[in-house]
Amino acid sequence: MIRALIFDFDGLVLETEGPSYQSWQAVYLSFGYPLPFSTWSTIIGTTQGDFDPGRELRRLVTGQVDWEQVESARQARENALIEAQAILPGVESYLRDARRLGFKTGLASSSSHRWVVGHLTRIGLLGCFDCICASDDVQRVKPDPELYLSVLRQLGVKADEAIAFEDSPNGIRSAKRAGLYCVAIPNPLTSRLVLTEADLQLSSLSELPLENLLQRFNTIKTRGAA
Protein backbone atom coordinates (compact mmCIF):
# COMPACT_ATOMS: atom_id res chain seq x y z
CA MET A 1 0.00 0.00 0.00
CA ILE A 2 1.27 3.45 -0.90
CA ARG A 3 2.07 5.64 2.10
CA ALA A 4 4.23 8.40 0.58
CA LEU A 5 4.87 10.52 -2.49
CA ILE A 6 8.35 11.82 -3.31
CA PHE A 7 8.81 14.72 -5.72
CA ASP A 8 11.74 16.05 -7.67
CA PHE A 9 11.91 19.86 -7.64
CA ASP A 10 13.58 21.43 -10.70
CA GLY A 11 11.37 20.94 -13.73
CA LEU A 12 8.77 18.97 -11.76
CA VAL A 13 7.39 21.39 -9.16
CA LEU A 14 8.72 24.55 -10.80
CA GLU A 15 10.18 25.00 -14.27
CA THR A 16 13.72 26.11 -13.50
CA GLU A 17 15.56 23.98 -16.05
CA GLY A 18 14.51 25.91 -19.15
CA PRO A 19 15.46 29.27 -17.60
CA SER A 20 18.84 27.92 -16.53
CA TYR A 21 19.61 26.62 -20.02
CA GLN A 22 18.37 29.84 -21.65
CA SER A 23 20.57 31.99 -19.40
CA TRP A 24 23.66 29.92 -20.17
CA GLN A 25 22.87 29.86 -23.89
CA ALA A 26 22.73 33.65 -23.90
CA VAL A 27 26.12 33.89 -22.18
CA TYR A 28 27.74 31.43 -24.59
CA LEU A 29 26.30 33.25 -27.62
CA SER A 30 27.56 36.59 -26.28
CA PHE A 31 31.08 35.16 -26.62
CA GLY A 32 30.33 33.63 -30.02
CA TYR A 33 29.90 30.02 -28.94
CA PRO A 34 26.89 27.69 -29.17
CA LEU A 35 25.66 25.62 -26.25
CA PRO A 36 24.01 22.57 -27.84
CA PHE A 37 21.12 20.91 -26.05
CA SER A 38 22.87 17.56 -26.48
CA THR A 39 25.65 18.85 -24.22
CA TRP A 40 23.36 20.57 -21.72
CA SER A 41 21.07 17.54 -21.42
CA THR A 42 23.81 15.51 -19.72
CA ILE A 43 23.53 17.65 -16.56
CA ILE A 44 19.74 17.93 -16.33
CA GLY A 45 18.70 16.44 -12.99
CA THR A 46 22.22 16.28 -11.56
CA THR A 47 24.99 18.57 -10.32
CA GLN A 48 27.76 16.00 -10.66
CA GLY A 49 27.91 15.57 -14.43
CA ASP A 50 31.13 15.79 -16.44
CA PHE A 51 30.06 19.06 -18.09
CA ASP A 52 30.41 22.32 -16.16
CA PRO A 53 29.13 25.26 -18.27
CA GLY A 54 31.14 27.90 -16.43
CA ARG A 55 34.39 25.95 -16.49
CA GLU A 56 33.95 25.08 -20.18
CA LEU A 57 33.29 28.71 -21.13
CA ARG A 58 36.44 29.83 -19.32
CA ARG A 59 38.37 27.25 -21.30
CA LEU A 60 36.97 28.49 -24.60
CA VAL A 61 37.35 32.24 -24.05
CA THR A 62 40.75 33.89 -24.17
CA GLY A 63 41.62 37.34 -22.90
CA GLN A 64 40.60 39.30 -19.85
CA VAL A 65 37.00 38.74 -18.74
CA ASP A 66 35.28 39.84 -15.54
CA TRP A 67 33.75 36.43 -14.85
CA GLU A 68 32.09 37.59 -11.64
CA GLN A 69 30.18 40.22 -13.58
CA VAL A 70 29.27 37.70 -16.29
CA GLU A 71 27.92 35.23 -13.74
CA SER A 72 26.06 37.93 -11.82
CA ALA A 73 24.27 39.04 -15.00
CA ARG A 74 23.54 35.44 -16.01
CA GLN A 75 22.13 34.63 -12.58
CA ALA A 76 19.93 37.71 -12.63
CA ARG A 77 18.54 36.66 -16.02
CA GLU A 78 17.92 33.12 -14.78
CA ASN A 79 16.20 34.34 -11.63
CA ALA A 80 13.93 36.67 -13.59
CA LEU A 81 12.91 33.86 -15.93
CA ILE A 82 12.24 31.48 -13.02
CA GLU A 83 10.21 34.02 -11.06
CA ALA A 84 7.94 34.41 -14.08
CA GLN A 85 7.05 30.69 -13.92
CA ALA A 86 3.92 29.33 -12.30
CA ILE A 87 3.82 26.15 -10.22
CA LEU A 88 3.58 23.32 -12.73
CA PRO A 89 0.10 21.89 -13.46
CA GLY A 90 -1.30 19.39 -10.99
CA VAL A 91 1.41 19.78 -8.34
CA GLU A 92 -0.77 21.62 -5.83
CA SER A 93 -3.66 19.21 -6.38
CA TYR A 94 -1.40 16.23 -5.74
CA LEU A 95 -0.04 17.78 -2.56
CA ARG A 96 -3.55 18.58 -1.29
CA ASP A 97 -4.82 15.09 -2.10
CA ALA A 98 -1.78 13.52 -0.46
CA ARG A 99 -2.60 15.35 2.78
CA ARG A 100 -6.28 14.40 2.54
CA LEU A 101 -5.36 10.73 2.07
CA GLY A 102 -2.89 10.79 4.95
CA PHE A 103 0.21 10.29 2.79
CA LYS A 104 3.64 11.54 3.73
CA THR A 105 5.37 13.79 1.20
CA GLY A 106 9.06 14.18 0.50
CA LEU A 107 11.25 16.07 -1.93
CA ALA A 108 14.51 14.77 -3.43
CA SER A 109 16.57 17.30 -5.36
CA SER A 110 20.08 17.45 -6.83
CA SER A 111 20.02 21.22 -6.27
CA SER A 112 21.16 22.82 -3.03
CA HIS A 113 18.97 22.94 0.06
CA ARG A 114 19.08 26.75 -0.03
CA TRP A 115 17.92 26.83 -3.67
CA VAL A 116 15.02 24.46 -3.08
CA VAL A 117 13.84 25.96 0.20
CA GLY A 118 14.15 29.50 -1.17
CA HIS A 119 11.91 28.78 -4.14
CA LEU A 120 9.43 26.69 -2.14
CA THR A 121 9.11 29.54 0.34
CA ARG A 122 8.57 32.06 -2.44
CA ILE A 123 5.81 29.99 -4.12
CA GLY A 124 4.17 29.03 -0.83
CA LEU A 125 4.80 25.28 -0.87
CA LEU A 126 7.47 24.85 1.81
CA GLY A 127 4.99 23.58 4.39
CA CYS A 128 3.66 20.93 2.02
CA PHE A 129 6.65 18.60 2.46
CA ASP A 130 7.45 16.42 5.47
CA CYS A 131 11.11 16.25 4.48
CA ILE A 132 13.46 17.77 1.92
CA CYS A 133 16.70 16.13 0.89
CA ALA A 134 19.02 18.16 -1.35
CA SER A 135 22.54 17.95 -2.76
CA ASP A 136 24.26 19.24 0.38
CA ASP A 137 22.50 16.59 2.48
CA VAL A 138 24.13 13.62 0.71
CA GLN A 139 27.45 12.49 -0.71
CA ARG A 140 26.12 11.59 -4.17
CA VAL A 141 23.27 13.10 -6.18
CA LYS A 142 21.18 11.70 -9.02
CA PRO A 143 21.47 9.34 -10.86
CA ASP A 144 22.80 7.74 -7.67
CA PRO A 145 19.89 6.55 -5.45
CA GLU A 146 21.20 8.18 -2.25
CA LEU A 147 18.77 11.13 -2.32
CA TYR A 148 15.74 8.87 -2.59
CA LEU A 149 17.04 6.39 -0.05
CA SER A 150 17.58 9.26 2.39
CA VAL A 151 14.02 10.54 1.90
CA LEU A 152 12.61 7.03 2.41
CA ARG A 153 14.51 6.75 5.71
CA GLN A 154 13.35 10.15 6.90
CA LEU A 155 9.73 9.40 6.01
CA GLY A 156 9.93 5.95 7.60
CA VAL A 157 8.57 4.11 4.55
CA LYS A 158 9.82 1.31 2.32
CA ALA A 159 10.53 1.73 -1.39
CA ASP A 160 7.42 -0.26 -2.36
CA GLU A 161 5.29 2.09 -0.24
CA ALA A 162 6.17 5.23 -2.19
CA ILE A 163 5.83 6.72 -5.66
CA ALA A 164 8.45 9.05 -7.15
CA PHE A 165 7.73 11.86 -9.62
CA GLU A 166 10.54 12.87 -11.96
CA ASP A 167 11.17 14.74 -15.19
CA SER A 168 14.67 13.68 -16.32
CA PRO A 169 16.59 10.49 -17.14
CA ASN A 170 19.03 11.14 -14.26
CA GLY A 171 16.16 11.54 -11.81
CA ILE A 172 14.26 8.52 -13.09
CA ARG A 173 17.38 6.37 -12.85
CA SER A 174 17.92 7.53 -9.27
CA ALA A 175 14.36 6.65 -8.25
CA LYS A 176 14.44 3.25 -9.94
CA ARG A 177 17.79 2.38 -8.38
CA ALA A 178 16.21 3.13 -5.00
CA GLY A 179 13.45 0.62 -5.82
CA LEU A 180 10.65 3.11 -6.38
CA TYR A 181 7.76 3.13 -8.83
CA CYS A 182 8.48 6.23 -10.91
CA VAL A 183 6.15 8.50 -12.85
CA ALA A 184 7.77 10.75 -15.46
CA ILE A 185 6.30 14.19 -16.14
CA PRO A 186 8.50 15.91 -18.72
CA ASN A 187 8.68 19.67 -19.06
CA PRO A 188 9.29 21.42 -22.41
CA LEU A 189 13.04 20.80 -22.07
CA THR A 190 13.04 17.19 -20.88
CA SER A 191 10.30 16.17 -23.30
CA ARG A 192 13.18 16.04 -25.82
CA LEU A 193 14.86 13.27 -23.81
CA VAL A 194 14.24 9.53 -23.56
CA LEU A 195 12.28 8.81 -20.38
CA THR A 196 11.41 5.17 -21.02
CA GLU A 197 12.99 3.94 -17.78
CA ALA A 198 9.98 5.37 -15.93
CA ASP A 199 7.07 3.08 -15.10
CA LEU A 200 4.55 5.61 -16.39
CA GLN A 201 4.75 8.87 -18.33
CA LEU A 202 2.20 11.68 -18.12
CA SER A 203 2.03 15.01 -19.91
CA SER A 204 1.46 16.69 -16.52
CA LEU A 205 0.22 15.75 -13.08
CA SER A 206 -3.12 17.31 -14.00
CA GLU A 207 -3.58 14.59 -16.65
CA LEU A 208 -4.25 11.91 -14.03
CA PRO A 209 -5.65 12.70 -10.54
CA LEU A 210 -3.81 11.09 -7.65
CA GLU A 211 -6.56 8.63 -6.77
CA ASN A 212 -6.71 7.45 -10.40
CA LEU A 213 -2.94 6.98 -10.36
CA LEU A 214 -3.23 4.91 -7.19
CA GLN A 215 -5.88 2.72 -8.82
CA ARG A 216 -3.58 2.14 -11.79
CA PHE A 217 -0.64 1.39 -9.48
CA ASN A 218 -2.66 -1.09 -7.42
CA THR A 219 -3.89 -2.84 -10.57
CA ILE A 220 -0.34 -3.26 -11.82
CA LYS A 221 0.85 -4.58 -8.45
CA THR A 222 -2.08 -7.01 -8.22
CA ARG A 223 -1.36 -8.39 -11.69
CA GLY A 224 2.33 -8.70 -10.84
CA ALA A 225 1.56 -10.67 -7.69
CA ALA A 226 -0.85 -13.01 -9.46
C-alpha atoms as a PDB file:
ATOM      1  CA  MET A   1       0.000   0.000   0.000  1.00  0.00           C
ATOM      2  CA  ILE A   2       1.268   3.453  -0.897  1.00  0.00           C
ATOM      3  CA  ARG A   3       2.065   5.642   2.103  1.00  0.00           C
ATOM      4  CA  ALA A   4       4.227   8.401   0.582  1.00  0.00           C
ATOM      5  CA  LEU A   5       4.867  10.524  -2.491  1.00  0.00           C
ATOM      6  CA  ILE A   6       8.351  11.819  -3.311  1.00  0.00           C
ATOM      7  CA  PHE A   7       8.814  14.717  -5.718  1.00  0.00           C
ATOM      8  CA  ASP A   8      11.737  16.052  -7.669  1.00  0.00           C
ATOM      9  CA  PHE A   9      11.912  19.863  -7.641  1.00  0.00           C
ATOM     10  CA  ASP A  10      13.576  21.429 -10.699  1.00  0.00           C
ATOM     11  CA  GLY A  11      11.365  20.937 -13.727  1.00  0.00           C
ATOM     12  CA  LEU A  12       8.767  18.973 -11.758  1.00  0.00           C
ATOM     13  CA  VAL A  13       7.391  21.387  -9.156  1.00  0.00           C
ATOM     14  CA  LEU A  14       8.721  24.551 -10.798  1.00  0.00           C
ATOM     15  CA  GLU A  15      10.177  25.003 -14.271  1.00  0.00           C
ATOM     16  CA  THR A  16      13.718  26.108 -13.495  1.00  0.00           C
ATOM     17  CA  GLU A  17      15.558  23.981 -16.050  1.00  0.00           C
ATOM     18  CA  GLY A  18      14.505  25.907 -19.152  1.00  0.00           C
ATOM     19  CA  PRO A  19      15.464  29.275 -17.598  1.00  0.00           C
ATOM     20  CA  SER A  20      18.842  27.916 -16.534  1.00  0.00           C
ATOM     21  CA  TYR A  21      19.607  26.622 -20.021  1.00  0.00           C
ATOM     22  CA  GLN A  22      18.373  29.838 -21.651  1.00  0.00           C
ATOM     23  CA  SER A  23      20.569  31.989 -19.404  1.00  0.00           C
ATOM     24  CA  TRP A  24      23.663  29.924 -20.170  1.00  0.00           C
ATOM     25  CA  GLN A  25      22.870  29.856 -23.888  1.00  0.00           C
ATOM     26  CA  ALA A  26      22.727  33.654 -23.903  1.00  0.00           C
ATOM     27  CA  VAL A  27      26.120  33.892 -22.185  1.00  0.00           C
ATOM     28  CA  TYR A  28      27.736  31.435 -24.593  1.00  0.00           C
ATOM     29  CA  LEU A  29      26.303  33.252 -27.616  1.00  0.00           C
ATOM     30  CA  SER A  30      27.561  36.594 -26.283  1.00  0.00           C
ATOM     31  CA  PHE A  31      31.077  35.160 -26.622  1.00  0.00           C
ATOM     32  CA  GLY A  32      30.329  33.630 -30.019  1.00  0.00           C
ATOM     33  CA  TYR A  33      29.904  30.021 -28.936  1.00  0.00           C
ATOM     34  CA  PRO A  34      26.887  27.694 -29.169  1.00  0.00           C
ATOM     35  CA  LEU A  35      25.656  25.622 -26.250  1.00  0.00           C
ATOM     36  CA  PRO A  36      24.006  22.565 -27.838  1.00  0.00           C
ATOM     37  CA  PHE A  37      21.115  20.909 -26.046  1.00  0.00           C
ATOM     38  CA  SER A  38      22.874  17.563 -26.482  1.00  0.00           C
ATOM     39  CA  THR A  39      25.650  18.850 -24.219  1.00  0.00           C
ATOM     40  CA  TRP A  40      23.363  20.567 -21.724  1.00  0.00           C
ATOM     41  CA  SER A  41      21.069  17.544 -21.418  1.00  0.00           C
ATOM     42  CA  THR A  42      23.806  15.514 -19.717  1.00  0.00           C
ATOM     43  CA  ILE A  43      23.531  17.646 -16.560  1.00  0.00           C
ATOM     44  CA  ILE A  44      19.745  17.933 -16.329  1.00  0.00           C
ATOM     45  CA  GLY A  45      18.703  16.441 -12.993  1.00  0.00           C
ATOM     46  CA  THR A  46      22.221  16.283 -11.558  1.00  0.00           C
ATOM     47  CA  THR A  47      24.990  18.566 -10.315  1.00  0.00           C
ATOM     48  CA  GLN A  48      27.761  15.998 -10.659  1.00  0.00           C
ATOM     49  CA  GLY A  49      27.914  15.568 -14.427  1.00  0.00           C
ATOM     50  CA  ASP A  50      31.128  15.791 -16.441  1.00  0.00           C
ATOM     51  CA  PHE A  51      30.056  19.060 -18.094  1.00  0.00           C
ATOM     52  CA  ASP A  52      30.411  22.320 -16.158  1.00  0.00           C
ATOM     53  CA  PRO A  53      29.134  25.257 -18.268  1.00  0.00           C
ATOM     54  CA  GLY A  54      31.145  27.905 -16.425  1.00  0.00           C
ATOM     55  CA  ARG A  55      34.390  25.950 -16.492  1.00  0.00           C
ATOM     56  CA  GLU A  56      33.946  25.084 -20.177  1.00  0.00           C
ATOM     57  CA  LEU A  57      33.290  28.710 -21.132  1.00  0.00           C
ATOM     58  CA  ARG A  58      36.443  29.829 -19.319  1.00  0.00           C
ATOM     59  CA  ARG A  59      38.368  27.249 -21.299  1.00  0.00           C
ATOM     60  CA  LEU A  60      36.969  28.490 -24.604  1.00  0.00           C
ATOM     61  CA  VAL A  61      37.347  32.243 -24.054  1.00  0.00           C
ATOM     62  CA  THR A  62      40.755  33.886 -24.167  1.00  0.00           C
ATOM     63  CA  GLY A  63      41.624  37.339 -22.905  1.00  0.00           C
ATOM     64  CA  GLN A  64      40.598  39.295 -19.851  1.00  0.00           C
ATOM     65  CA  VAL A  65      36.997  38.737 -18.744  1.00  0.00           C
ATOM     66  CA  ASP A  66      35.276  39.836 -15.537  1.00  0.00           C
ATOM     67  CA  TRP A  67      33.753  36.427 -14.848  1.00  0.00           C
ATOM     68  CA  GLU A  68      32.089  37.589 -11.636  1.00  0.00           C
ATOM     69  CA  GLN A  69      30.181  40.218 -13.579  1.00  0.00           C
ATOM     70  CA  VAL A  70      29.270  37.700 -16.293  1.00  0.00           C
ATOM     71  CA  GLU A  71      27.924  35.228 -13.737  1.00  0.00           C
ATOM     72  CA  SER A  72      26.060  37.928 -11.820  1.00  0.00           C
ATOM     73  CA  ALA A  73      24.274  39.045 -14.998  1.00  0.00           C
ATOM     74  CA  ARG A  74      23.541  35.445 -16.008  1.00  0.00           C
ATOM     75  CA  GLN A  75      22.134  34.628 -12.582  1.00  0.00           C
ATOM     76  CA  ALA A  76      19.934  37.713 -12.631  1.00  0.00           C
ATOM     77  CA  ARG A  77      18.541  36.662 -16.021  1.00  0.00           C
ATOM     78  CA  GLU A  78      17.923  33.119 -14.785  1.00  0.00           C
ATOM     79  CA  ASN A  79      16.199  34.343 -11.626  1.00  0.00           C
ATOM     80  CA  ALA A  80      13.926  36.674 -13.591  1.00  0.00           C
ATOM     81  CA  LEU A  81      12.912  33.859 -15.926  1.00  0.00           C
ATOM     82  CA  ILE A  82      12.240  31.485 -13.019  1.00  0.00           C
ATOM     83  CA  GLU A  83      10.208  34.016 -11.063  1.00  0.00           C
ATOM     84  CA  ALA A  84       7.943  34.408 -14.079  1.00  0.00           C
ATOM     85  CA  GLN A  85       7.052  30.694 -13.922  1.00  0.00           C
ATOM     86  CA  ALA A  86       3.922  29.330 -12.299  1.00  0.00           C
ATOM     87  CA  ILE A  87       3.824  26.154 -10.217  1.00  0.00           C
ATOM     88  CA  LEU A  88       3.584  23.323 -12.734  1.00  0.00           C
ATOM     89  CA  PRO A  89       0.100  21.894 -13.455  1.00  0.00           C
ATOM     90  CA  GLY A  90      -1.295  19.389 -10.990  1.00  0.00           C
ATOM     91  CA  VAL A  91       1.408  19.778  -8.341  1.00  0.00           C
ATOM     92  CA  GLU A  92      -0.771  21.624  -5.828  1.00  0.00           C
ATOM     93  CA  SER A  93      -3.663  19.207  -6.377  1.00  0.00           C
ATOM     94  CA  TYR A  94      -1.403  16.230  -5.740  1.00  0.00           C
ATOM     95  CA  LEU A  95      -0.043  17.780  -2.564  1.00  0.00           C
ATOM     96  CA  ARG A  96      -3.554  18.584  -1.290  1.00  0.00           C
ATOM     97  CA  ASP A  97      -4.819  15.094  -2.102  1.00  0.00           C
ATOM     98  CA  ALA A  98      -1.781  13.521  -0.465  1.00  0.00           C
ATOM     99  CA  ARG A  99      -2.595  15.348   2.776  1.00  0.00           C
ATOM    100  CA  ARG A 100      -6.276  14.400   2.539  1.00  0.00           C
ATOM    101  CA  LEU A 101      -5.363  10.733   2.071  1.00  0.00           C
ATOM    102  CA  GLY A 102      -2.887  10.794   4.952  1.00  0.00           C
ATOM    103  CA  PHE A 103       0.212  10.292   2.790  1.00  0.00           C
ATOM    104  CA  LYS A 104       3.639  11.538   3.727  1.00  0.00           C
ATOM    105  CA  THR A 105       5.372  13.788   1.203  1.00  0.00           C
ATOM    106  CA  GLY A 106       9.063  14.183   0.500  1.00  0.00           C
ATOM    107  CA  LEU A 107      11.250  16.074  -1.928  1.00  0.00           C
ATOM    108  CA  ALA A 108      14.509  14.766  -3.427  1.00  0.00           C
ATOM    109  CA  SER A 109      16.575  17.303  -5.362  1.00  0.00           C
ATOM    110  CA  SER A 110      20.083  17.452  -6.827  1.00  0.00           C
ATOM    111  CA  SER A 111      20.023  21.219  -6.268  1.00  0.00           C
ATOM    112  CA  SER A 112      21.162  22.822  -3.026  1.00  0.00           C
ATOM    113  CA  HIS A 113      18.972  22.942   0.063  1.00  0.00           C
ATOM    114  CA  ARG A 114      19.080  26.751  -0.029  1.00  0.00           C
ATOM    115  CA  TRP A 115      17.923  26.834  -3.666  1.00  0.00           C
ATOM    116  CA  VAL A 116      15.018  24.462  -3.083  1.00  0.00           C
ATOM    117  CA  VAL A 117      13.841  25.961   0.200  1.00  0.00           C
ATOM    118  CA  GLY A 118      14.146  29.496  -1.171  1.00  0.00           C
ATOM    119  CA  HIS A 119      11.907  28.785  -4.141  1.00  0.00           C
ATOM    120  CA  LEU A 120       9.430  26.685  -2.139  1.00  0.00           C
ATOM    121  CA  THR A 121       9.107  29.537   0.342  1.00  0.00           C
ATOM    122  CA  ARG A 122       8.574  32.055  -2.444  1.00  0.00           C
ATOM    123  CA  ILE A 123       5.809  29.995  -4.118  1.00  0.00           C
ATOM    124  CA  GLY A 124       4.174  29.034  -0.835  1.00  0.00           C
ATOM    125  CA  LEU A 125       4.798  25.282  -0.873  1.00  0.00           C
ATOM    126  CA  LEU A 126       7.466  24.855   1.807  1.00  0.00           C
ATOM    127  CA  GLY A 127       4.994  23.577   4.393  1.00  0.00           C
ATOM    128  CA  CYS A 128       3.657  20.926   2.018  1.00  0.00           C
ATOM    129  CA  PHE A 129       6.648  18.596   2.460  1.00  0.00           C
ATOM    130  CA  ASP A 130       7.451  16.420   5.466  1.00  0.00           C
ATOM    131  CA  CYS A 131      11.107  16.250   4.481  1.00  0.00           C
ATOM    132  CA  ILE A 132      13.456  17.772   1.923  1.00  0.00           C
ATOM    133  CA  CYS A 133      16.699  16.134   0.887  1.00  0.00           C
ATOM    134  CA  ALA A 134      19.022  18.164  -1.349  1.00  0.00           C
ATOM    135  CA  SER A 135      22.544  17.947  -2.761  1.00  0.00           C
ATOM    136  CA  ASP A 136      24.256  19.237   0.377  1.00  0.00           C
ATOM    137  CA  ASP A 137      22.496  16.593   2.484  1.00  0.00           C
ATOM    138  CA  VAL A 138      24.130  13.619   0.713  1.00  0.00           C
ATOM    139  CA  GLN A 139      27.454  12.486  -0.715  1.00  0.00           C
ATOM    140  CA  ARG A 140      26.117  11.587  -4.170  1.00  0.00           C
ATOM    141  CA  VAL A 141      23.270  13.100  -6.176  1.00  0.00           C
ATOM    142  CA  LYS A 142      21.182  11.697  -9.018  1.00  0.00           C
ATOM    143  CA  PRO A 143      21.472   9.340 -10.861  1.00  0.00           C
ATOM    144  CA  ASP A 144      22.799   7.739  -7.666  1.00  0.00           C
ATOM    145  CA  PRO A 145      19.888   6.552  -5.454  1.00  0.00           C
ATOM    146  CA  GLU A 146      21.198   8.177  -2.250  1.00  0.00           C
ATOM    147  CA  LEU A 147      18.774  11.129  -2.317  1.00  0.00           C
ATOM    148  CA  TYR A 148      15.738   8.869  -2.593  1.00  0.00           C
ATOM    149  CA  LEU A 149      17.045   6.390  -0.046  1.00  0.00           C
ATOM    150  CA  SER A 150      17.581   9.262   2.392  1.00  0.00           C
ATOM    151  CA  VAL A 151      14.024  10.542   1.897  1.00  0.00           C
ATOM    152  CA  LEU A 152      12.614   7.030   2.413  1.00  0.00           C
ATOM    153  CA  ARG A 153      14.513   6.751   5.707  1.00  0.00           C
ATOM    154  CA  GLN A 154      13.347  10.155   6.897  1.00  0.00           C
ATOM    155  CA  LEU A 155       9.733   9.398   6.012  1.00  0.00           C
ATOM    156  CA  GLY A 156       9.930   5.952   7.597  1.00  0.00           C
ATOM    157  CA  VAL A 157       8.569   4.108   4.554  1.00  0.00           C
ATOM    158  CA  LYS A 158       9.822   1.314   2.318  1.00  0.00           C
ATOM    159  CA  ALA A 159      10.526   1.734  -1.390  1.00  0.00           C
ATOM    160  CA  ASP A 160       7.425  -0.257  -2.359  1.00  0.00           C
ATOM    161  CA  GLU A 161       5.292   2.085  -0.237  1.00  0.00           C
ATOM    162  CA  ALA A 162       6.173   5.230  -2.185  1.00  0.00           C
ATOM    163  CA  ILE A 163       5.829   6.719  -5.658  1.00  0.00           C
ATOM    164  CA  ALA A 164       8.449   9.053  -7.155  1.00  0.00           C
ATOM    165  CA  PHE A 165       7.728  11.861  -9.617  1.00  0.00           C
ATOM    166  CA  GLU A 166      10.535  12.865 -11.958  1.00  0.00           C
ATOM    167  CA  ASP A 167      11.166  14.740 -15.188  1.00  0.00           C
ATOM    168  CA  SER A 168      14.668  13.681 -16.323  1.00  0.00           C
ATOM    169  CA  PRO A 169      16.588  10.488 -17.136  1.00  0.00           C
ATOM    170  CA  ASN A 170      19.033  11.138 -14.258  1.00  0.00           C
ATOM    171  CA  GLY A 171      16.156  11.544 -11.812  1.00  0.00           C
ATOM    172  CA  ILE A 172      14.258   8.519 -13.086  1.00  0.00           C
ATOM    173  CA  ARG A 173      17.378   6.373 -12.854  1.00  0.00           C
ATOM    174  CA  SER A 174      17.921   7.530  -9.274  1.00  0.00           C
ATOM    175  CA  ALA A 175      14.356   6.650  -8.246  1.00  0.00           C
ATOM    176  CA  LYS A 176      14.441   3.254  -9.943  1.00  0.00           C
ATOM    177  CA  ARG A 177      17.794   2.378  -8.376  1.00  0.00           C
ATOM    178  CA  ALA A 178      16.205   3.126  -5.000  1.00  0.00           C
ATOM    179  CA  GLY A 179      13.449   0.615  -5.821  1.00  0.00           C
ATOM    180  CA  LEU A 180      10.647   3.115  -6.377  1.00  0.00           C
ATOM    181  CA  TYR A 181       7.764   3.127  -8.826  1.00  0.00           C
ATOM    182  CA  CYS A 182       8.476   6.225 -10.906  1.00  0.00           C
ATOM    183  CA  VAL A 183       6.151   8.502 -12.854  1.00  0.00           C
ATOM    184  CA  ALA A 184       7.768  10.751 -15.465  1.00  0.00           C
ATOM    185  CA  ILE A 185       6.298  14.190 -16.141  1.00  0.00           C
ATOM    186  CA  PRO A 186       8.499  15.906 -18.723  1.00  0.00           C
ATOM    187  CA  ASN A 187       8.676  19.666 -19.056  1.00  0.00           C
ATOM    188  CA  PRO A 188       9.292  21.417 -22.414  1.00  0.00           C
ATOM    189  CA  LEU A 189      13.044  20.801 -22.074  1.00  0.00           C
ATOM    190  CA  THR A 190      13.040  17.188 -20.878  1.00  0.00           C
ATOM    191  CA  SER A 191      10.303  16.168 -23.305  1.00  0.00           C
ATOM    192  CA  ARG A 192      13.177  16.043 -25.816  1.00  0.00           C
ATOM    193  CA  LEU A 193      14.863  13.274 -23.806  1.00  0.00           C
ATOM    194  CA  VAL A 194      14.243   9.532 -23.560  1.00  0.00           C
ATOM    195  CA  LEU A 195      12.276   8.809 -20.380  1.00  0.00           C
ATOM    196  CA  THR A 196      11.408   5.170 -21.023  1.00  0.00           C
ATOM    197  CA  GLU A 197      12.992   3.937 -17.784  1.00  0.00           C
ATOM    198  CA  ALA A 198       9.983   5.375 -15.928  1.00  0.00           C
ATOM    199  CA  ASP A 199       7.069   3.080 -15.095  1.00  0.00           C
ATOM    200  CA  LEU A 200       4.551   5.606 -16.389  1.00  0.00           C
ATOM    201  CA  GLN A 201       4.751   8.869 -18.335  1.00  0.00           C
ATOM    202  CA  LEU A 202       2.196  11.680 -18.122  1.00  0.00           C
ATOM    203  CA  SER A 203       2.026  15.011 -19.915  1.00  0.00           C
ATOM    204  CA  SER A 204       1.460  16.685 -16.523  1.00  0.00           C
ATOM    205  CA  LEU A 205       0.216  15.746 -13.075  1.00  0.00           C
ATOM    206  CA  SER A 206      -3.120  17.309 -13.996  1.00  0.00           C
ATOM    207  CA  GLU A 207      -3.578  14.587 -16.645  1.00  0.00           C
ATOM    208  CA  LEU A 208      -4.254  11.913 -14.026  1.00  0.00           C
ATOM    209  CA  PRO A 209      -5.651  12.704 -10.536  1.00  0.00           C
ATOM    210  CA  LEU A 210      -3.807  11.089  -7.647  1.00  0.00           C
ATOM    211  CA  GLU A 211      -6.563   8.632  -6.775  1.00  0.00           C
ATOM    212  CA  ASN A 212      -6.705   7.449 -10.401  1.00  0.00           C
ATOM    213  CA  LEU A 213      -2.937   6.984 -10.364  1.00  0.00           C
ATOM    214  CA  LEU A 214      -3.233   4.913  -7.187  1.00  0.00           C
ATOM    215  CA  GLN A 215      -5.881   2.715  -8.815  1.00  0.00           C
ATOM    216  CA  ARG A 216      -3.585   2.143 -11.790  1.00  0.00           C
ATOM    217  CA  PHE A 217      -0.644   1.390  -9.485  1.00  0.00           C
ATOM    218  CA  ASN A 218      -2.663  -1.091  -7.416  1.00  0.00           C
ATOM    219  CA  THR A 219      -3.894  -2.840 -10.570  1.00  0.00           C
ATOM    220  CA  ILE A 220      -0.337  -3.262 -11.820  1.00  0.00           C
ATOM    221  CA  LYS A 221       0.847  -4.583  -8.452  1.00  0.00           C
ATOM    222  CA  THR A 222      -2.081  -7.011  -8.224  1.00  0.00           C
ATOM    223  CA  ARG A 223      -1.357  -8.392 -11.690  1.00  0.00           C
ATOM    224  CA  GLY A 224       2.334  -8.702 -10.838  1.00  0.00           C
ATOM    225  CA  ALA A 225       1.563 -10.667  -7.690  1.00  0.00           C
ATOM    226  CA  ALA A 226      -0.853 -13.014  -9.455  1.00  0.00           C
END
